[in-house]
Amino acid sequence: MLEGGVPAGHIVAIIGSCGTGKTTLALQYLAAGLKQGDKGIFISLEEDESAVMQTSKSYGWDIEPQVASKNMAVFKIEPSEAKVALARIKNDLPNLIKSMGAKRLVLDSVSLLNMLSSDEAEKRSILFTLCQQIKKAGATALLTAEARLENPTASRDGLVEYVADGVIVLSYVIPGSGGDVQLSIRVMKMRRTKHSRAIKPYNLTSTGMEVLAGSQVF
């Protein structure tokens, strides 16, 4: 669907409702990178380091040794200290990426980051600056975002999709016949690629996300 993967240097928004597997996809992206020697950084505004490691391990991606060997770093931003932490991220993140040699970065979730300010211009400025810093430091990033209730293909605040180079949407599909709820994935945007525009079903399995490329969503 992506002509081989997320293009290097891109900032990609992963938009989806609760339970669609945004964090799973983000961790899977980092785990796949570690297998090929790409160091990674996971920044969470929701779960602490141990919870992130447990979630990853439940899919068979034991990142604890990678953290111990400094091939990966996991950070938790506490909401009570979020503005201080945000200032540190803006100042220290580029140096951290370069000093680690990190190629992949995840911010989970950007929706919580945007809640730090009620001013739309400031939110856009924070996101734009953060994305520019990540790019200048030479990393590729996935930013997870909560979907809007009335429009599940858009982020809750409607900002990240305009800053990002790519947008991947994870959605629920409820069959009219009352059958099992399906999960679907679509690539809404991916600059500089001839990406697929098909809507494909996927499963969240014991080994991560599995896109059913040969199937159709009903």
Protein backbone atom coordinates (compact mmCIF):
# COMPACT_ATOMS: atom_id res chain seq x y z
CA MET A 1 0.00 0.00 0.00
CA LEU A 2 2.99 2.32 0.60
CA GLU A 3 5.26 1.16 -2.23
CA GLY A 4 7.52 -0.61 0.26
CA GLY A 5 7.03 1.32 3.50
CA VAL A 6 6.96 4.71 5.14
CA PRO A 7 9.33 6.98 3.18
CA ALA A 8 12.45 7.98 5.09
CA GLY A 9 12.26 11.47 6.54
CA HIS A 10 8.45 11.62 6.51
CA ILE A 11 6.20 12.64 9.39
CA VAL A 12 3.15 10.36 9.26
CA ALA A 13 -0.07 10.77 11.26
CA ILE A 14 -1.84 7.59 12.36
CA ILE A 15 -5.46 8.61 12.97
CA GLY A 16 -7.99 6.28 14.59
CA SER A 17 -10.63 5.81 17.26
CA CYS A 18 -9.93 4.08 20.56
CA GLY A 19 -9.10 0.41 20.07
CA THR A 20 -8.15 0.55 16.39
CA GLY A 21 -4.49 -0.29 17.12
CA LYS A 22 -2.69 3.03 16.72
CA THR A 23 -0.14 2.25 19.44
CA THR A 24 0.24 -1.31 18.13
CA LEU A 25 1.09 -0.05 14.65
CA ALA A 26 3.52 2.51 16.08
CA LEU A 27 5.33 -0.09 18.21
CA GLN A 28 5.39 -2.51 15.29
CA TYR A 29 7.04 0.16 13.16
CA LEU A 30 9.78 0.63 15.77
CA ALA A 31 10.21 -3.13 16.28
CA ALA A 32 10.58 -3.69 12.54
CA GLY A 33 13.18 -0.93 12.44
CA LEU A 34 15.19 -2.46 15.28
CA LYS A 35 15.36 -5.73 13.33
CA GLN A 36 17.13 -3.95 10.49
CA GLY A 37 19.34 -1.85 12.72
CA ASP A 38 17.29 1.36 12.94
CA LYS A 39 17.41 2.81 16.45
CA GLY A 40 14.14 4.23 17.77
CA ILE A 41 12.52 6.57 20.28
CA PHE A 42 9.02 6.13 21.76
CA ILE A 43 7.50 9.17 23.52
CA SER A 44 4.25 8.45 25.35
CA LEU A 45 1.73 10.83 26.88
CA GLU A 46 -0.40 7.93 28.06
CA GLU A 47 1.59 4.95 29.37
CA ASP A 48 4.79 4.75 31.39
CA GLU A 49 7.93 2.97 30.24
CA SER A 50 7.10 -0.38 31.86
CA ALA A 51 3.59 -0.43 30.35
CA VAL A 52 4.98 0.32 26.88
CA MET A 53 7.48 -2.51 27.27
CA GLN A 54 4.75 -4.92 28.44
CA THR A 55 2.51 -4.01 25.52
CA SER A 56 5.38 -4.52 23.10
CA LYS A 57 6.35 -7.83 24.68
CA SER A 58 2.75 -9.11 24.43
CA TYR A 59 3.18 -9.03 20.65
CA GLY A 60 6.55 -10.77 20.77
CA TRP A 61 8.67 -7.61 20.51
CA ASP A 62 10.90 -7.63 23.59
CA ILE A 63 12.31 -4.11 23.52
CA GLU A 64 13.73 -4.14 27.06
CA PRO A 65 17.16 -5.44 25.92
CA GLN A 66 17.11 -2.81 23.15
CA VAL A 67 16.47 -0.07 25.72
CA ALA A 68 19.25 -1.46 27.93
CA SER A 69 21.68 -1.43 24.99
CA LYS A 70 20.57 2.12 24.01
CA ASN A 71 19.22 1.04 20.65
CA MET A 72 15.84 2.34 21.78
CA ALA A 73 14.61 4.94 24.27
CA VAL A 74 11.16 5.13 25.89
CA PHE A 75 9.95 8.32 27.58
CA LYS A 76 6.73 9.21 29.41
CA ILE A 77 5.49 12.80 29.56
CA GLU A 78 3.45 13.41 32.69
CA PRO A 79 0.38 15.63 32.06
CA SER A 80 1.15 17.63 35.22
CA GLU A 81 4.59 18.46 33.85
CA ALA A 82 3.62 18.55 30.20
CA LYS A 83 4.51 22.16 29.43
CA VAL A 84 7.94 21.78 31.03
CA ALA A 85 8.44 18.48 29.24
CA LEU A 86 7.34 20.02 25.94
CA ALA A 87 9.95 22.77 26.30
CA ARG A 88 12.58 20.10 26.99
CA ILE A 89 11.47 18.09 23.96
CA LYS A 90 11.74 21.13 21.72
CA ASN A 91 15.21 21.90 23.05
CA ASP A 92 16.64 18.43 23.62
CA LEU A 93 14.93 16.11 21.11
CA PRO A 94 17.10 16.99 18.08
CA ASN A 95 20.27 16.39 20.12
CA LEU A 96 18.87 13.11 21.47
CA ILE A 97 18.01 11.87 17.96
CA LYS A 98 21.48 12.74 16.70
CA SER A 99 23.39 11.42 19.72
CA MET A 100 21.51 8.10 19.62
CA GLY A 101 21.60 7.90 15.87
CA ALA A 102 17.84 7.26 16.00
CA LYS A 103 16.15 6.75 12.63
CA ARG A 104 12.58 6.19 13.83
CA LEU A 105 10.46 8.09 16.35
CA VAL A 106 6.93 7.71 17.70
CA LEU A 107 4.84 10.29 19.58
CA ASP A 108 1.78 8.67 21.20
CA SER A 109 -0.40 10.68 21.11
CA VAL A 110 -0.26 14.08 19.51
CA SER A 111 -3.90 14.67 20.48
CA LEU A 112 -2.90 14.89 24.14
CA LEU A 113 0.00 17.14 23.22
CA ASN A 114 -2.41 19.53 21.52
CA MET A 115 -4.52 19.73 24.67
CA LEU A 116 -1.72 21.70 26.34
CA SER A 117 -2.94 24.86 24.62
CA SER A 118 -6.37 26.26 23.79
CA ASP A 119 -4.95 28.60 21.15
CA GLU A 120 -5.18 27.15 17.63
CA ALA A 121 -2.27 29.19 16.29
CA GLU A 122 -0.06 28.03 19.17
CA LYS A 123 -1.08 24.38 18.63
CA ARG A 124 -0.17 24.62 14.94
CA SER A 125 3.13 26.33 15.78
CA ILE A 126 4.05 23.64 18.34
CA LEU A 127 3.31 20.84 15.86
CA PHE A 128 5.08 22.52 12.96
CA THR A 129 8.20 23.25 15.04
CA LEU A 130 8.29 19.71 16.43
CA CYS A 131 7.99 18.15 12.97
CA GLN A 132 10.69 20.41 11.53
CA GLN A 133 13.06 19.51 14.36
CA ILE A 134 12.49 15.79 13.86
CA LYS A 135 13.14 16.11 10.13
CA LYS A 136 16.27 18.22 10.57
CA ALA A 137 17.63 15.64 13.00
CA GLY A 138 17.25 12.97 10.31
CA ALA A 139 14.46 10.82 11.78
CA THR A 140 11.21 9.45 10.39
CA ALA A 141 8.22 9.76 12.74
CA LEU A 142 4.75 8.36 13.37
CA LEU A 143 2.40 10.61 15.35
CA THR A 144 -0.74 8.89 16.63
CA ALA A 145 -3.92 10.96 16.88
CA GLU A 146 -7.48 10.39 18.09
CA ALA A 147 -10.13 10.47 15.38
CA ARG A 148 -13.00 12.94 15.42
CA LEU A 149 -16.28 11.34 16.52
CA GLU A 150 -18.34 12.83 13.69
CA ASN A 151 -15.63 12.20 11.07
CA PRO A 152 -13.37 9.19 11.81
CA THR A 153 -11.08 10.04 8.88
CA ALA A 154 -10.00 13.32 10.53
CA SER A 155 -8.05 13.98 13.73
CA ARG A 156 -9.87 15.38 16.75
CA ASP A 157 -8.31 18.84 16.40
CA GLY A 158 -7.90 18.77 12.62
CA LEU A 159 -4.28 19.94 12.72
CA VAL A 160 -1.85 17.05 12.44
CA GLU A 161 -2.99 15.95 8.98
CA TYR A 162 -1.99 19.35 7.55
CA VAL A 163 1.46 19.29 9.15
CA ALA A 164 2.22 15.65 8.32
CA ASP A 165 3.64 14.29 5.06
CA GLY A 166 1.35 11.28 5.28
CA VAL A 167 -1.92 10.24 6.89
CA ILE A 168 -2.98 6.67 7.62
CA VAL A 169 -6.51 6.16 8.94
CA LEU A 170 -7.59 3.18 11.05
CA SER A 171 -11.37 2.73 11.29
CA TYR A 172 -14.20 0.48 12.41
CA VAL A 173 -16.51 -0.94 9.76
CA ILE A 174 -19.89 -2.12 11.08
CA PRO A 175 -21.62 -4.45 8.59
CA GLY A 176 -25.25 -3.66 7.79
CA SER A 177 -26.17 -7.30 8.36
CA GLY A 178 -25.09 -7.09 11.99
CA GLY A 179 -22.01 -9.30 11.60
CA ASP A 180 -18.66 -8.88 13.32
CA VAL A 181 -17.11 -5.41 13.36
CA GLN A 182 -14.19 -5.15 10.92
CA LEU A 183 -11.13 -2.97 11.16
CA SER A 184 -10.05 -1.11 8.03
CA ILE A 185 -6.95 0.81 6.99
CA ARG A 186 -6.53 3.38 4.27
CA VAL A 187 -3.71 5.70 3.21
CA MET A 188 -5.30 9.14 2.90
CA LYS A 189 -2.08 10.94 2.00
CA MET A 190 1.58 10.10 1.48
CA ARG A 191 3.69 12.70 -0.25
CA ARG A 192 6.08 11.66 -3.00
CA THR A 193 4.61 8.13 -3.36
CA LYS A 194 2.07 6.45 -5.62
CA HIS A 195 0.34 4.92 -2.64
CA SER A 196 -2.71 2.67 -2.77
CA ARG A 197 -6.05 4.37 -2.20
CA ALA A 198 -7.85 1.12 -1.45
CA ILE A 199 -9.55 0.47 1.88
CA LYS A 200 -8.24 -2.83 3.25
CA PRO A 201 -9.27 -4.88 6.29
CA TYR A 202 -6.75 -5.74 8.96
CA ASN A 203 -6.55 -7.86 12.10
CA LEU A 204 -4.81 -7.23 15.41
CA THR A 205 -3.16 -10.58 16.10
CA SER A 206 -0.80 -11.93 18.75
CA THR A 207 2.09 -10.83 16.53
CA GLY A 208 0.80 -7.34 15.70
CA MET A 209 -1.17 -5.77 12.87
CA GLU A 210 -1.81 -7.91 9.81
CA VAL A 211 -3.23 -6.16 6.72
CA LEU A 212 -5.33 -8.46 4.54
CA ALA A 213 -4.12 -7.09 1.22
CA GLY A 214 -6.05 -9.62 -0.87
CA SER A 215 -9.40 -8.98 0.85
CA GLN A 216 -12.08 -6.34 0.56
CA VAL A 217 -13.97 -4.49 3.29
CA PHE A 218 -17.68 -5.39 3.39
